[in-house]
Protein backbone atom coordinates (compact mmCIF):
# COMPACT_ATOMS: atom_id res chain seq x y z
CA MET A 1 0.01 0.02 0.01
CA MET A 2 2.82 2.33 0.85
CA THR A 3 4.45 1.83 -2.58
CA LYS A 4 1.34 2.95 -4.48
CA ASN A 5 1.17 6.21 -2.49
CA ARG A 6 4.89 6.87 -3.10
CA LEU A 7 4.46 6.08 -6.82
CA LYS A 8 1.57 8.58 -7.03
CA ILE A 9 3.87 11.30 -5.63
CA ILE A 10 7.19 10.38 -7.27
CA LEU A 11 5.85 9.72 -10.81
CA PRO A 12 4.42 13.28 -11.36
CA ILE A 13 7.55 14.88 -9.91
CA LEU A 14 9.72 12.65 -12.13
CA LEU A 15 7.66 13.59 -15.24
CA LEU A 16 7.86 17.29 -14.33
CA LEU A 17 11.64 17.07 -13.93
CA MET A 18 11.97 15.23 -17.29
CA GLY A 19 9.86 17.97 -19.00
CA ILE A 20 12.02 20.71 -17.48
CA GLY A 21 15.18 18.85 -18.59
CA ALA A 22 13.82 18.41 -22.16
CA ALA A 23 12.91 22.13 -22.31
CA TRP A 24 16.43 23.04 -21.10
CA ALA A 25 18.01 20.66 -23.69
CA ILE A 26 15.99 22.25 -26.50
CA MET A 27 17.01 25.74 -25.41
CA ALA A 28 20.69 24.78 -25.03
CA MET A 29 20.93 22.95 -28.38
CA ARG A 30 19.20 25.54 -30.54
CA PRO A 31 21.33 26.97 -33.39
CA ARG A 32 22.84 30.35 -32.74
CA ILE A 33 21.71 33.24 -34.92
CA VAL A 34 24.50 35.27 -36.50
CA MET A 35 23.50 38.91 -36.80
CA GLN A 36 24.37 40.44 -40.19
CA ALA A 37 23.85 43.91 -41.51
CA PRO A 38 21.26 43.95 -44.32
CA LYS A 39 22.69 44.38 -47.79
CA THR A 40 21.61 47.51 -49.56
CA GLU A 41 20.89 46.73 -53.16
CA ALA A 42 19.56 49.21 -55.66
CA PRO A 43 16.12 48.29 -57.01
CA LEU A 44 16.08 47.07 -60.61
CA VAL A 45 13.97 49.77 -62.29
CA SER A 46 14.32 52.13 -65.21
CA VAL A 47 13.23 55.76 -65.07
CA ILE A 48 12.05 57.97 -67.91
CA ARG A 49 10.97 61.59 -67.93
CA VAL A 50 7.32 62.02 -68.89
CA GLU A 51 6.38 64.82 -71.22
CA PRO A 52 2.77 65.82 -71.98
CA GLN A 53 1.57 65.16 -75.53
CA THR A 54 -1.63 64.74 -77.44
CA ILE A 55 -2.39 61.30 -78.72
CA ARG A 56 -5.46 60.14 -80.61
CA LEU A 57 -6.69 56.73 -79.56
CA ASN A 58 -9.10 54.74 -81.68
CA VAL A 59 -11.38 52.48 -79.69
CA HIS A 60 -13.22 49.77 -81.55
CA SER A 61 -16.28 48.42 -79.80
CA GLN A 62 -19.71 46.97 -80.26
CA GLY A 63 -22.96 47.57 -78.44
CA ILE A 64 -26.11 49.60 -78.19
CA VAL A 65 -25.89 53.30 -77.29
CA THR A 66 -28.69 54.57 -75.07
CA PRO A 67 -29.14 58.06 -73.69
CA ARG A 68 -28.47 58.75 -70.04
CA ASN A 69 -31.52 61.00 -69.79
CA GLU A 70 -34.63 60.88 -71.93
CA ILE A 71 -37.55 63.33 -71.83
CA ASP A 72 -40.85 63.87 -73.62
CA LEU A 73 -41.45 67.41 -74.91
CA ILE A 74 -45.09 68.30 -74.35
CA PRO A 75 -46.44 71.69 -75.59
CA GLU A 76 -48.16 73.90 -73.06
CA VAL A 77 -50.74 75.14 -75.58
CA ALA A 78 -52.80 73.44 -78.24
CA GLY A 79 -52.29 74.31 -81.85
CA LYS A 80 -50.44 73.45 -85.08
CA VAL A 81 -46.71 73.47 -85.37
CA ILE A 82 -45.77 75.86 -88.19
CA GLN A 83 -42.01 76.17 -87.69
CA LEU A 84 -39.22 74.10 -86.06
CA HIS A 85 -35.81 75.21 -84.93
CA PRO A 86 -33.02 73.77 -87.16
CA ASP A 87 -31.40 72.10 -84.17
CA PHE A 88 -34.64 70.31 -83.23
CA VAL A 89 -33.62 66.99 -84.79
CA ALA A 90 -32.68 63.60 -83.40
CA GLY A 91 -29.42 64.03 -81.52
CA GLY A 92 -29.49 67.84 -81.73
CA PHE A 93 -28.72 70.23 -78.88
CA PHE A 94 -30.33 73.49 -77.81
CA ASN A 95 -29.83 75.92 -75.00
CA ARG A 96 -32.15 77.35 -72.35
CA ASN A 97 -34.51 80.04 -73.63
CA ASP A 98 -34.13 79.02 -77.30
CA LEU A 99 -37.37 79.32 -79.28
């Protein structure tokens, strides 16, 4: 009976000492780090001086063009239209207060 009680006390202490010894061995046997100054290397790039210039770019594409805004022109009075402004065509532009 006495041996089982001693074993319950000695075995955990023995395992604890073995763990501490293993941790010390790992710390003592680790490789040493040699400190070196970092090497300064120039980056491999090429530099050019940019000058402004006008370039025409041709963009080839396909698709359907739709207007961003679309309105319906409704007259405020009833009657016949006898004259239209020359810019009043599909795709034409006009300014505020134009007749």
